[in-house]
């Protein structure tokens, strides 16, 4: 297991997961979100090739409606 920070909260996930697998492991159910690892935007096309490492910080951002 490794420790990561997701939206400011420390979480434990298995070692060697990619971004897509981490999102699934965390059971994130939101649709239409964007994601950054250590402050850098990650394109959806690279979710499966971007490995999450110990102490990485992930921000999962959902769109907000309003005005």
PDB file of N, CA and C in Angstrom:
ATOM      1  N   UNK A   1       0.844  -1.188   0.000  1.00  0.00           N
ATOM      2  CA  UNK A   1       0.000   0.000   0.000  1.00  0.00           C
ATOM      3  C   UNK A   1       0.884   1.244   0.000  1.00  0.00           C
ATOM      4  N   UNK A   2       0.362   2.290  -0.648  1.00  0.00           N
ATOM      5  CA  UNK A   2       1.031   3.573  -0.618  1.00  0.00           C
ATOM      6  C   UNK A   2       0.057   4.610  -0.068  1.00  0.00           C
ATOM      7  N   UNK A   3       0.593   5.725   0.401  1.00  0.00           N
ATOM      8  CA  UNK A   3      -0.210   6.822   0.910  1.00  0.00           C
ATOM      9  C   UNK A   3      -0.245   7.923  -0.146  1.00  0.00           C
ATOM     10  N   UNK A   4      -1.438   8.411  -0.449  1.00  0.00           N
ATOM     11  CA  UNK A   4      -1.588   9.537  -1.361  1.00  0.00           C
ATOM     12  C   UNK A   4      -2.527  10.548  -0.714  1.00  0.00           C
ATOM     13  N   UNK A   5      -2.570  11.730  -1.267  1.00  0.00           N
ATOM     14  CA  UNK A   5      -3.490  12.753  -0.784  1.00  0.00           C
ATOM     15  C   UNK A   5      -4.486  13.028  -1.901  1.00  0.00           C
ATOM     16  N   UNK A   6      -5.768  12.859  -1.592  1.00  0.00           N
ATOM     17  CA  UNK A   6      -6.830  13.067  -2.578  1.00  0.00           C
ATOM     18  C   UNK A   6      -7.739  14.184  -2.072  1.00  0.00           C
ATOM     19  N   UNK A   7      -7.758  15.285  -2.811  1.00  0.00           N
ATOM     20  CA  UNK A   7      -8.563  16.446  -2.417  1.00  0.00           C
ATOM     21  C   UNK A   7      -8.314  16.824  -0.957  1.00  0.00           C
ATOM     22  N   UNK A   8      -7.044  16.789  -0.555  1.00  0.00           N
ATOM     23  CA  UNK A   8      -6.653  17.198   0.789  1.00  0.00           C
ATOM     24  C   UNK A   8      -6.756  16.128   1.861  1.00  0.00           C
ATOM     25  N   UNK A   9      -7.238  14.936   1.521  1.00  0.00           N
ATOM     26  CA  UNK A   9      -7.384  13.853   2.498  1.00  0.00           C
ATOM     27  C   UNK A   9      -6.404  12.726   2.193  1.00  0.00           C
ATOM     28  N   UNK A  10      -5.722  12.239   3.223  1.00  0.00           N
ATOM     29  CA  UNK A  10      -4.773  11.142   3.061  1.00  0.00           C
ATOM     30  C   UNK A  10      -5.530   9.838   2.880  1.00  0.00           C
ATOM     31  N   UNK A  11      -5.133   9.081   1.856  1.00  0.00           N
ATOM     32  CA  UNK A  11      -5.766   7.792   1.535  1.00  0.00           C
ATOM     33  C   UNK A  11      -4.678   6.749   1.303  1.00  0.00           C
ATOM     34  N   UNK A  12      -5.008   5.483   1.512  1.00  0.00           N
ATOM     35  CA  UNK A  12      -4.114   4.368   1.211  1.00  0.00           C
ATOM     36  C   UNK A  12      -4.674   3.616   0.012  1.00  0.00           C
ATOM     37  N   UNK A  13      -3.805   3.352  -0.963  1.00  0.00           N
ATOM     38  CA  UNK A  13      -4.196   2.583  -2.153  1.00  0.00           C
ATOM     39  C   UNK A  13      -3.082   1.589  -2.454  1.00  0.00           C
ATOM     40  N   UNK A  14      -3.383   0.525  -3.188  1.00  0.00           N
ATOM     41  CA  UNK A  14      -2.335  -0.431  -3.547  1.00  0.00           C
ATOM     42  C   UNK A  14      -1.241   0.212  -4.400  1.00  0.00           C
ATOM     43  N   UNK A  15      -0.044  -0.294  -4.268  1.00  0.00           N
ATOM     44  CA  UNK A  15       1.116   0.183  -5.033  1.00  0.00           C
ATOM     45  C   UNK A  15       0.968  -0.184  -6.510  1.00  0.00           C
ATOM     46  N   UNK A  16       1.435   0.690  -7.405  1.00  0.00           N
ATOM     47  CA  UNK A  16       1.498   0.379  -8.833  1.00  0.00           C
ATOM     48  C   UNK A  16       0.247   0.672  -9.630  1.00  0.00           C
ATOM     49  N   UNK A  17      -0.732   1.369  -9.035  1.00  0.00           N
ATOM     50  CA  UNK A  17      -1.958   1.668  -9.776  1.00  0.00           C
ATOM     51  C   UNK A  17      -1.765   2.882 -10.670  1.00  0.00           C
ATOM     52  N   UNK A  18      -2.501   2.889 -11.789  1.00  0.00           N
ATOM     53  CA  UNK A  18      -2.519   4.077 -12.627  1.00  0.00           C
ATOM     54  C   UNK A  18      -3.681   4.968 -12.174  1.00  0.00           C
ATOM     55  N   UNK A  19      -3.785   6.148 -12.766  1.00  0.00           N
ATOM     56  CA  UNK A  19      -4.812   7.109 -12.361  1.00  0.00           C
ATOM     57  C   UNK A  19      -6.214   6.507 -12.468  1.00  0.00           C
ATOM     58  N   UNK A  20      -6.505   5.841 -13.565  1.00  0.00           N
ATOM     59  CA  UNK A  20      -7.832   5.243 -13.747  1.00  0.00           C
ATOM     60  C   UNK A  20      -8.136   4.236 -12.636  1.00  0.00           C
ATOM     61  N   UNK A  21      -7.162   3.403 -12.292  1.00  0.00           N
ATOM     62  CA  UNK A  21      -7.352   2.388 -11.252  1.00  0.00           C
ATOM     63  C   UNK A  21      -7.518   3.021  -9.870  1.00  0.00           C
ATOM     64  N   UNK A  22      -6.803   4.116  -9.616  1.00  0.00           N
ATOM     65  CA  UNK A  22      -6.950   4.810  -8.333  1.00  0.00           C
ATOM     66  C   UNK A  22      -8.355   5.380  -8.209  1.00  0.00           C
ATOM     67  N   UNK A  23      -8.844   6.013  -9.260  1.00  0.00           N
ATOM     68  CA  UNK A  23     -10.199   6.574  -9.241  1.00  0.00           C
ATOM     69  C   UNK A  23     -11.216   5.461  -8.982  1.00  0.00           C
ATOM     70  N   UNK A  24     -11.037   4.316  -9.623  1.00  0.00           N
ATOM     71  CA  UNK A  24     -11.937   3.175  -9.405  1.00  0.00           C
ATOM     72  C   UNK A  24     -11.807   2.636  -7.987  1.00  0.00           C
ATOM     73  N   UNK A  25     -10.573   2.525  -7.468  1.00  0.00           N
ATOM     74  CA  UNK A  25     -10.345   2.011  -6.118  1.00  0.00           C
ATOM     75  C   UNK A  25     -10.976   2.918  -5.063  1.00  0.00           C
ATOM     76  N   UNK A  26     -10.994   4.215  -5.336  1.00  0.00           N
ATOM     77  CA  UNK A  26     -11.598   5.166  -4.408  1.00  0.00           C
ATOM     78  C   UNK A  26     -13.105   5.256  -4.574  1.00  0.00           C
ATOM     79  N   UNK A  27     -13.639   4.501  -5.547  1.00  0.00           N
ATOM     80  CA  UNK A  27     -15.073   4.453  -5.836  1.00  0.00           C
ATOM     81  C   UNK A  27     -15.631   5.842  -6.130  1.00  0.00           C
ATOM     82  N   UNK A  28     -14.840   6.644  -6.853  1.00  0.00           N
ATOM     83  CA  UNK A  28     -15.306   7.968  -7.248  1.00  0.00           C
ATOM     84  C   UNK A  28     -16.376   7.801  -8.310  1.00  0.00           C
ATOM     85  N   UNK A  29     -17.551   8.337  -8.062  1.00  0.00           N
ATOM     86  CA  UNK A  29     -18.696   8.110  -8.931  1.00  0.00           C
ATOM     87  C   UNK A  29     -19.047   9.316  -9.800  1.00  0.00           C
ATOM     88  N   UNK A  30     -18.323  10.406  -9.629  1.00  0.00           N
ATOM     89  CA  UNK A  30     -18.649  11.613 -10.378  1.00  0.00           C
ATOM     90  C   UNK A  30     -18.457  11.441 -11.873  1.00  0.00           C
ATOM     91  N   UNK A  31     -19.226  12.155 -12.641  1.00  0.00           N
ATOM     92  CA  UNK A  31     -19.069  12.148 -14.096  1.00  0.00           C
ATOM     93  C   UNK A  31     -18.552  13.512 -14.517  1.00  0.00           C
ATOM     94  N   UNK A  32     -17.760  13.531 -15.552  1.00  0.00           N
ATOM     95  CA  UNK A  32     -17.311  14.791 -16.090  1.00  0.00           C
ATOM     96  C   UNK A  32     -16.336  15.528 -15.197  1.00  0.00           C
ATOM     97  N   UNK A  33     -15.400  14.845 -14.616  1.00  0.00           N
ATOM     98  CA  UNK A  33     -14.409  15.494 -13.755  1.00  0.00           C
ATOM     99  C   UNK A  33     -13.084  15.637 -14.488  1.00  0.00           C
ATOM    100  N   UNK A  34     -12.223  16.495 -13.945  1.00  0.00           N
ATOM    101  CA  UNK A  34     -10.852  16.556 -14.431  1.00  0.00           C
ATOM    102  C   UNK A  34      -9.955  16.233 -13.246  1.00  0.00           C
ATOM    103  N   UNK A  35      -8.730  15.879 -13.537  1.00  0.00           N
ATOM    104  CA  UNK A  35      -7.849  15.377 -12.499  1.00  0.00           C
ATOM    105  C   UNK A  35      -6.445  15.950 -12.669  1.00  0.00           C
ATOM    106  N   UNK A  36      -5.837  16.277 -11.550  1.00  0.00           N
ATOM    107  CA  UNK A  36      -4.450  16.761 -11.544  1.00  0.00           C
ATOM    108  C   UNK A  36      -3.651  15.912 -10.564  1.00  0.00           C
ATOM    109  N   UNK A  37      -2.424  15.607 -10.940  1.00  0.00           N
ATOM    110  CA  UNK A  37      -1.499  14.897 -10.057  1.00  0.00           C
ATOM    111  C   UNK A  37      -0.344  15.850  -9.774  1.00  0.00           C
ATOM    112  N   UNK A  38      -0.140  16.119  -8.490  1.00  0.00           N
ATOM    113  CA  UNK A  38       0.912  17.047  -8.060  1.00  0.00           C
ATOM    114  C   UNK A  38       0.815  18.383  -8.783  1.00  0.00           C
ATOM    115  N   UNK A  39      -0.422  18.852  -8.977  1.00  0.00           N
ATOM    116  CA  UNK A  39      -0.648  20.154  -9.574  1.00  0.00           C
ATOM    117  C   UNK A  39      -0.616  20.196 -11.088  1.00  0.00           C
ATOM    118  N   UNK A  40      -0.413  19.049 -11.736  1.00  0.00           N
ATOM    119  CA  UNK A  40      -0.346  18.999 -13.194  1.00  0.00           C
ATOM    120  C   UNK A  40      -1.561  18.255 -13.741  1.00  0.00           C
ATOM    121  N   UNK A  41      -2.295  18.918 -14.641  1.00  0.00           N
ATOM    122  CA  UNK A  41      -3.461  18.304 -15.271  1.00  0.00           C
ATOM    123  C   UNK A  41      -3.069  17.012 -15.974  1.00  0.00           C
ATOM    124  N   UNK A  42      -3.917  15.980 -15.841  1.00  0.00           N
ATOM    125  CA  UNK A  42      -3.690  14.707 -16.512  1.00  0.00           C
ATOM    126  C   UNK A  42      -4.816  14.505 -17.528  1.00  0.00           C
ATOM    127  N   UNK A  43      -4.451  14.370 -18.789  1.00  0.00           N
ATOM    128  CA  UNK A  43      -5.442  14.155 -19.848  1.00  0.00           C
ATOM    129  C   UNK A  43      -6.061  12.766 -19.713  1.00  0.00           C
ATOM    130  N   UNK A  44      -7.337  12.666 -20.037  1.00  0.00           N
ATOM    131  CA  UNK A  44      -8.040  11.382 -19.951  1.00  0.00           C
ATOM    132  C   UNK A  44      -7.313  10.310 -20.754  1.00  0.00           C
ATOM    133  N   UNK A  45      -6.758  10.671 -21.881  1.00  0.00           N
ATOM    134  CA  UNK A  45      -6.056   9.710 -22.739  1.00  0.00           C
ATOM    135  C   UNK A  45      -4.840   9.099 -22.062  1.00  0.00           C
ATOM    136  N   UNK A  46      -4.331   9.724 -20.993  1.00  0.00           N
ATOM    137  CA  UNK A  46      -3.138   9.196 -20.313  1.00  0.00           C
ATOM    138  C   UNK A  46      -3.443   8.619 -18.931  1.00  0.00           C
ATOM    139  N   UNK A  47      -4.708   8.507 -18.560  1.00  0.00           N
ATOM    140  CA  UNK A  47      -5.066   7.947 -17.245  1.00  0.00           C
ATOM    141  C   UNK A  47      -4.470   6.554 -17.043  1.00  0.00           C
ATOM    142  N   UNK A  48      -4.485   5.736 -18.082  1.00  0.00           N
ATOM    143  CA  UNK A  48      -4.024   4.353 -17.939  1.00  0.00           C
ATOM    144  C   UNK A  48      -2.503   4.223 -17.957  1.00  0.00           C
ATOM    145  N   UNK A  49      -1.800   5.260 -18.373  1.00  0.00           N
ATOM    146  CA  UNK A  49      -0.338   5.193 -18.414  1.00  0.00           C
ATOM    147  C   UNK A  49       0.325   6.061 -17.347  1.00  0.00           C
ATOM    148  N   UNK A  50      -0.478   6.797 -16.587  1.00  0.00           N
ATOM    149  CA  UNK A  50       0.051   7.649 -15.526  1.00  0.00           C
ATOM    150  C   UNK A  50      -0.023   6.897 -14.203  1.00  0.00           C
ATOM    151  N   UNK A  51       1.139   6.490 -13.691  1.00  0.00           N
ATOM    152  CA  UNK A  51       1.208   5.724 -12.440  1.00  0.00           C
ATOM    153  C   UNK A  51       1.209   6.685 -11.260  1.00  0.00           C
ATOM    154  N   UNK A  52       0.453   6.337 -10.228  1.00  0.00           N
ATOM    155  CA  UNK A  52       0.396   7.133  -9.007  1.00  0.00           C
ATOM    156  C   UNK A  52       1.430   6.582  -8.030  1.00  0.00           C
ATOM    157  N   UNK A  53       2.241   7.476  -7.479  1.00  0.00           N
ATOM    158  CA  UNK A  53       3.331   7.098  -6.574  1.00  0.00           C
ATOM    159  C   UNK A  53       3.046   7.520  -5.140  1.00  0.00           C
ATOM    160  N   UNK A  54       3.795   6.950  -4.219  1.00  0.00           N
ATOM    161  CA  UNK A  54       3.678   7.275  -2.803  1.00  0.00           C
ATOM    162  C   UNK A  54       3.811   8.782  -2.606  1.00  0.00           C
ATOM    163  N   UNK A  55       2.929   9.339  -1.778  1.00  0.00           N
ATOM    164  CA  UNK A  55       2.899  10.762  -1.428  1.00  0.00           C
ATOM    165  C   UNK A  55       2.472  11.682  -2.567  1.00  0.00           C
ATOM    166  N   UNK A  56       1.959  11.141  -3.679  1.00  0.00           N
ATOM    167  CA  UNK A  56       1.411  11.999  -4.728  1.00  0.00           C
ATOM    168  C   UNK A  56       0.147  12.678  -4.205  1.00  0.00           C
ATOM    169  N   UNK A  57      -0.127  13.843  -4.757  1.00  0.00           N
ATOM    170  CA  UNK A  57      -1.329  14.588  -4.414  1.00  0.00           C
ATOM    171  C   UNK A  57      -2.237  14.627  -5.637  1.00  0.00           C
ATOM    172  N   UNK A  58      -3.454  14.124  -5.481  1.00  0.00           N
ATOM    173  CA  UNK A  58      -4.434  14.128  -6.560  1.00  0.00           C
ATOM    174  C   UNK A  58      -5.551  15.092  -6.226  1.00  0.00           C
ATOM    175  N   UNK A  59      -5.948  15.867  -7.214  1.00  0.00           N
ATOM    176  CA  UNK A  59      -7.113  16.732  -7.088  1.00  0.00           C
ATOM    177  C   UNK A  59      -8.115  16.268  -8.122  1.00  0.00           C
ATOM    178  N   UNK A  60      -9.294  15.883  -7.672  1.00  0.00           N
ATOM    179  CA  UNK A  60     -10.379  15.476  -8.561  1.00  0.00           C
ATOM    180  C   UNK A  60     -11.396  16.595  -8.530  1.00  0.00           C
ATOM    181  N   UNK A  61     -11.558  17.246  -9.663  1.00  0.00           N
ATOM    182  CA  UNK A  61     -12.404  18.445  -9.722  1.00  0.00           C
ATOM    183  C   UNK A  61     -13.617  18.197 -10.587  1.00  0.00           C
ATOM    184  N   UNK A  62     -14.788  18.404 -10.003  1.00  0.00           N
ATOM    185  CA  UNK A  62     -16.051  18.236 -10.720  1.00  0.00           C
ATOM    186  C   UNK A  62     -16.555  19.601 -11.168  1.00  0.00           C
ATOM    187  N   UNK A  63     -17.252  19.647 -12.301  1.00  0.00           N
ATOM    188  CA  UNK A  63     -17.810  20.933 -12.748  1.00  0.00           C
ATOM    189  C   UNK A  63     -18.877  21.434 -11.769  1.00  0.00           C
ATOM    190  N   UNK A  64     -18.987  22.743 -11.665  1.00  0.00           N
ATOM    191  CA  UNK A  64     -19.956  23.354 -10.770  1.00  0.00           C
ATOM    192  C   UNK A  64     -20.876  24.250 -11.583  1.00  0.00           C
ATOM    193  N   UNK A  65     -22.169  24.111 -11.366  1.00  0.00           N
ATOM    194  CA  UNK A  65     -23.127  24.963 -12.060  1.00  0.00           C
ATOM    195  C   UNK A  65     -23.439  26.171 -11.185  1.00  0.00           C
ATOM    196  N   UNK A  66     -23.824  27.193 -11.816  1.00  0.00           N
ATOM    197  CA  UNK A  66     -24.213  28.383 -11.062  1.00  0.00           C
ATOM    198  C   UNK A  66     -23.912  29.623 -11.851  1.00  0.00           C
ATOM    199  N   UNK A  67     -24.120  30.713 -11.216  1.00  0.00           N
ATOM    200  CA  UNK A  67     -23.853  31.940 -11.928  1.00  0.00           C
ATOM    201  C   UNK A  67     -24.042  33.141 -11.064  1.00  0.00           C
TER     202      UNK A  67
END
